[in-house]
Protein backbone atom coordinates (compact mmCIF):
# COMPACT_ATOMS: atom_id res chain seq x y z
CA MET A 1 -12.47 -50.18 50.07
CA LYS A 2 -15.27 -49.57 47.58
CA LEU A 3 -17.79 -49.17 50.42
CA ILE A 4 -15.56 -46.60 52.13
CA PHE A 5 -15.29 -44.61 48.89
CA LEU A 6 -19.05 -44.61 48.37
CA LEU A 7 -19.60 -43.44 51.95
CA LEU A 8 -17.21 -40.56 51.32
CA ILE A 9 -19.18 -39.57 48.23
CA PHE A 10 -22.48 -39.58 50.13
CA SER A 11 -21.00 -37.50 52.96
CA ASN A 12 -19.63 -34.85 50.58
CA SER A 13 -22.68 -34.45 48.30
CA ASN A 14 -25.83 -32.38 48.55
CA LEU A 15 -29.17 -33.25 46.92
CA PHE A 16 -27.80 -35.64 44.31
CA SER A 17 -28.52 -39.00 42.74
CA VAL A 18 -25.79 -41.39 41.64
CA GLU A 19 -26.25 -42.30 37.95
CA PRO A 20 -24.76 -44.94 35.63
CA ILE A 21 -21.49 -43.89 34.01
CA LYS A 22 -21.39 -44.35 30.24
CA LYS A 23 -18.52 -43.69 27.86
CA SER A 24 -20.69 -41.35 25.81
CA ILE A 25 -21.47 -39.22 28.87
CA LEU A 26 -17.76 -38.73 29.57
CA ILE A 27 -16.61 -38.13 26.02
CA GLU A 28 -19.26 -35.77 24.68
CA THR A 29 -18.40 -32.91 27.02
CA ALA A 30 -15.66 -31.27 29.04
CA TRP A 31 -15.61 -31.36 32.85
CA GLY A 32 -14.52 -28.45 34.98
CA PRO A 33 -15.23 -26.10 37.90
CA ASP A 34 -18.68 -24.94 39.00
CA ARG A 35 -18.60 -21.55 37.28
CA ILE A 36 -18.59 -19.90 33.87
CA LEU A 37 -15.21 -20.94 32.58
CA GLY A 38 -12.88 -18.54 30.84
CA GLU A 39 -9.69 -20.12 32.11
CA GLY A 40 -9.19 -23.13 34.34
CA TRP A 41 -8.40 -26.84 34.58
CA ILE A 42 -10.72 -29.23 32.73
CA LEU A 43 -10.95 -32.98 32.19
CA GLU A 44 -11.53 -34.44 28.72
CA PHE A 45 -11.97 -38.12 27.76
CA ASP A 46 -11.61 -40.09 24.52
CA TYR A 47 -12.73 -43.49 23.25
CA LYS A 48 -9.21 -44.88 23.57
CA ASN A 49 -9.56 -44.61 27.34
CA ILE A 50 -7.13 -41.72 27.55
CA TYR A 51 -8.03 -38.66 29.60
CA THR A 52 -6.40 -35.24 29.61
CA GLU A 53 -6.43 -32.71 32.40
CA ARG A 54 -5.47 -29.48 30.72
CA TRP A 55 -5.39 -25.77 31.38
CA LEU A 56 -7.92 -23.84 29.32
CA GLY A 57 -6.11 -20.58 28.64
CA GLU A 58 -2.55 -19.34 28.41
CA GLY A 59 0.23 -21.19 30.18
CA CYS A 60 0.67 -24.78 31.29
CA GLY A 61 -0.76 -27.32 28.85
CA GLY A 62 -1.62 -30.25 31.12
CA TYR A 63 -1.04 -33.99 31.35
CA GLN A 64 -2.64 -37.31 30.37
CA GLY A 65 -3.58 -40.61 31.93
CA SER A 66 -5.79 -43.66 31.42
CA TRP A 67 -9.37 -44.19 32.55
CA LYS A 68 -11.73 -47.11 33.00
CA ILE A 69 -15.11 -47.86 34.52
CA ILE A 70 -15.29 -50.60 37.17
CA ASP A 71 -18.62 -51.38 38.83
CA ASN A 72 -19.94 -47.91 37.96
CA ILE A 73 -16.86 -46.19 39.42
CA LEU A 74 -14.66 -44.09 37.12
CA VAL A 75 -10.98 -44.80 37.81
CA LEU A 76 -8.45 -42.21 36.66
CA GLU A 77 -4.80 -43.30 36.58
CA PRO A 78 -2.41 -40.43 35.67
CA ASP A 79 0.80 -40.94 33.72
CA LYS A 80 3.92 -41.03 35.86
CA ASN A 81 5.88 -37.84 36.57
CA PRO A 82 3.91 -35.33 34.48
CA GLU A 83 5.53 -31.90 34.26
CA CYS A 84 2.43 -29.74 34.01
CA THR A 85 -0.22 -30.32 36.70
CA PRO A 86 -2.82 -28.27 38.64
CA ASN A 87 -1.16 -26.19 41.39
CA ASN A 88 2.14 -27.92 40.49
CA LYS A 89 1.12 -30.96 42.53
CA PRO A 90 1.65 -34.51 41.24
CA PRO A 91 -1.80 -35.91 40.35
CA LYS A 92 -3.05 -38.95 42.21
CA LYS A 93 -5.25 -41.84 41.22
CA ARG A 94 -8.90 -40.78 41.40
CA MET A 95 -12.07 -42.79 41.88
CA CYS A 96 -15.17 -40.87 40.83
CA SER A 97 -18.93 -41.36 40.61
CA PHE A 98 -21.32 -39.64 38.21
CA GLU A 99 -24.22 -37.79 39.77
CA LYS A 100 -27.02 -35.37 39.03
CA THR A 101 -27.59 -32.60 41.53
CA ASP A 102 -29.45 -29.34 42.02
CA SER A 103 -26.71 -27.78 44.16
CA SER A 104 -25.33 -25.63 41.30
CA ILE A 105 -26.66 -22.42 39.74
CA TYR A 106 -24.80 -23.25 36.52
CA TYR A 107 -24.90 -26.99 35.74
CA VAL A 108 -26.89 -30.15 36.49
CA GLN A 109 -24.42 -33.06 36.62
CA ARG A 110 -20.87 -33.74 37.72
CA LEU A 111 -18.14 -36.21 38.55
CA ASN A 112 -17.66 -36.59 42.29
CA CYS A 113 -14.09 -37.69 42.99
CA GLY A 114 -14.29 -37.49 46.78
CA ASN A 115 -12.65 -35.04 49.20
CA ASN A 116 -14.89 -32.24 47.85
CA GLU A 117 -13.33 -32.55 44.38
CA TYR A 118 -15.94 -32.14 41.64
CA PHE A 119 -15.79 -31.81 37.86
CA TRP A 120 -18.97 -30.41 36.33
CA ASP A 121 -20.43 -31.21 32.90
CA LEU A 122 -19.74 -27.86 31.19
CA LYS A 123 -22.01 -28.53 28.18
CA ASN A 124 -25.16 -29.24 30.15
CA ALA A 125 -26.28 -25.95 31.65
CA ILE A 126 -29.14 -25.70 34.09
CA GLU A 127 -32.45 -25.35 32.26
CA LYS A 128 -34.57 -22.21 32.12
CA GLY A 129 -37.20 -21.80 34.79
CA ALA A 130 -35.58 -23.86 37.53
CA LYS A 131 -35.73 -22.60 41.08
CA ARG A 132 -32.42 -22.00 42.81
CA THR A 133 -31.07 -19.78 45.54
CA PHE A 134 -27.93 -17.68 45.48
CA GLU A 135 -26.69 -16.47 48.86
CA GLY A 136 -30.19 -16.78 50.26
CA ILE A 137 -31.96 -15.06 47.34
CA GLU A 138 -34.32 -17.12 45.21
CA ILE A 139 -33.71 -16.89 41.47
CA HIS A 140 -35.50 -17.97 38.31
CA THR A 141 -32.81 -19.60 36.16
CA LEU A 142 -32.23 -18.52 32.55
CA GLY A 143 -30.18 -21.36 31.08
CA LEU A 144 -26.97 -19.30 30.83
CA GLU A 145 -28.33 -17.22 27.96
CA LYS A 146 -26.00 -14.52 26.66
CA ALA A 147 -26.53 -10.78 26.88
CA ILE A 148 -24.63 -7.56 26.17
CA ALA A 149 -24.20 -4.63 28.52
CA ASN A 150 -25.73 -1.67 26.65
CA SER A 151 -23.91 0.79 28.93
CA ASN A 152 -21.40 0.72 31.75
CA VAL A 153 -23.49 -1.12 34.35
CA LYS A 154 -22.76 -1.48 38.06
CA PHE A 155 -21.96 -5.03 39.14
CA ARG A 156 -23.36 -5.56 42.65
CA ILE A 157 -23.23 -8.20 45.39
CA LYS A 158 -26.99 -7.89 46.07
CA PRO A 159 -29.98 -7.03 43.84
CA ASN A 160 -30.43 -3.43 45.01
CA THR A 161 -28.86 -0.07 44.29
CA LYS A 162 -27.48 0.35 47.81
CA SER A 163 -25.38 -2.83 47.82
CA LYS A 164 -21.62 -2.84 47.34
CA THR A 165 -20.17 -3.11 43.86
CA ILE A 166 -17.85 -5.87 42.66
CA LYS A 167 -14.43 -4.90 41.35
CA CYS A 168 -13.19 -6.06 37.96
CA SER A 169 -9.80 -5.84 36.27
CA ILE A 170 -10.00 -4.93 32.59
CA GLN A 171 -7.32 -4.49 29.94
CA ASP A 172 -7.27 -0.94 28.57
CA ASN A 173 -6.54 0.21 25.01
CA LEU A 174 -2.81 0.55 25.78
CA GLY A 175 -2.48 -3.03 27.05
CA GLY A 176 -2.42 -2.10 30.72
CA GLN A 177 -4.82 -3.14 33.45
CA LYS A 178 -7.35 -0.91 35.17
CA GLU A 179 -9.65 -1.68 38.08
CA ILE A 180 -13.32 -0.78 37.72
CA ASP A 181 -16.54 -1.49 39.65
CA TYR A 182 -18.82 -2.00 36.66
CA ILE A 183 -19.24 -4.21 33.61
CA PRO A 184 -18.16 -2.18 30.54
CA LYS A 185 -20.51 -1.40 27.69
CA GLY A 186 -20.40 -4.03 24.94
CA ILE A 187 -19.11 -6.84 27.17
CA GLU A 188 -20.80 -10.19 26.68
CA ILE A 189 -22.12 -11.80 29.84
CA TYR A 190 -24.02 -14.92 30.84
CA LEU A 191 -27.46 -14.73 32.46
CA ILE A 192 -27.62 -17.16 35.36
CA GLY A 193 -31.02 -16.12 36.66
CA ARG A 194 -33.25 -13.22 37.63
CA THR A 195 -35.29 -12.15 40.61
CA ASN A 196 -38.86 -13.40 40.78
CA GLU A 197 -40.29 -9.88 40.85
CA LYS A 198 -39.49 -6.68 39.00
CA GLU A 199 -38.25 -3.66 40.95
CA LYS A 200 -38.71 0.01 40.21
CA VAL A 201 -35.43 1.93 39.95
CA GLU A 202 -35.78 5.61 39.06
CA LYS A 203 -38.00 5.72 35.94
CA TRP A 204 -37.58 2.03 35.08
CA GLU A 205 -39.22 -1.19 36.22
CA ASN A 206 -37.24 -4.35 35.52
CA TYR A 207 -35.74 -7.51 36.98
CA TRP A 208 -32.38 -7.78 38.64
CA TYR A 209 -30.23 -10.35 36.82
CA LEU A 210 -27.62 -12.61 38.34
CA VAL A 211 -24.82 -12.69 35.77
CA SER A 212 -21.28 -13.87 35.18
CA MET A 213 -18.62 -12.45 32.92
CA SER A 214 -16.38 -15.00 31.24
CA SER A 215 -12.86 -14.34 32.50
CA ASN A 216 -9.37 -14.68 31.06
CA SER A 217 -5.87 -13.47 31.90
CA TYR A 218 -6.76 -9.87 31.01
CA ASN A 219 -10.43 -9.39 31.89
CA ALA A 220 -11.90 -10.77 35.11
CA CYS A 221 -14.07 -9.77 38.05
CA PHE A 222 -13.32 -10.54 41.68
CA ALA A 223 -16.49 -12.63 42.06
CA ASP A 224 -17.83 -15.39 39.83
CA ALA A 225 -21.37 -14.00 39.88
CA GLY A 226 -23.13 -10.74 40.76
CA TRP A 227 -26.18 -8.62 40.05
CA VAL A 228 -26.98 -6.05 37.35
CA TYR A 229 -30.21 -4.21 36.66
CA GLY A 230 -32.06 -5.45 33.59
CA GLU A 231 -32.57 -2.02 32.01
CA PHE A 232 -28.89 -1.99 31.07
CA LEU A 233 -28.82 -5.38 29.37
CA GLU A 234 -29.52 -6.34 25.78
CA ILE A 235 -30.60 -9.99 25.89
CA LYS A 236 -29.72 -11.94 22.75
């Protein structure tokens, strides 16, 4: 059974190395999806061998279970009949490995629980200066530094002024929602990476930056990452 599980992990992973699982690795961080997390389901562990899968944001709180490490495999056993679970589906027993991988533009290590189910170490961002590609475009990573939009800046699917813009839904001053195709002035964003070369746009010469805006129930874009021109960013 263990051999079958390990074969499943190898078949579902890309450019990774299986690493020893230590309690400290599990407990010192939170584990979640491969994106900048505003809301979503995360795993958290404690020294009493209790884990919690909870919703970060408004709504359903989550559930608990027990965890243990057997022969370098993390075994997650959920409590019976929890009321609040991801997608309203009863959680199942999970068997996960810990691995480092360069397949993400955000993070460097994750739990691989088989069947393409991954939980990423949200406190260990990819370092500055790493080489990655995003939809075929090579980027120079920036360690998820923060920046501020210094004006309403177009949010694009490609690093050029002719590419389509990405829609966002933003809460207005009256509490309603409005759909826009730019990142509003003053919004804090995360810098994932930049192009290798600067590009001249009108009177400016700057990099294109691959960015992500942290989302919540009221402010979110319809893509996890997109491009903005560097002239309209104030890097912290």
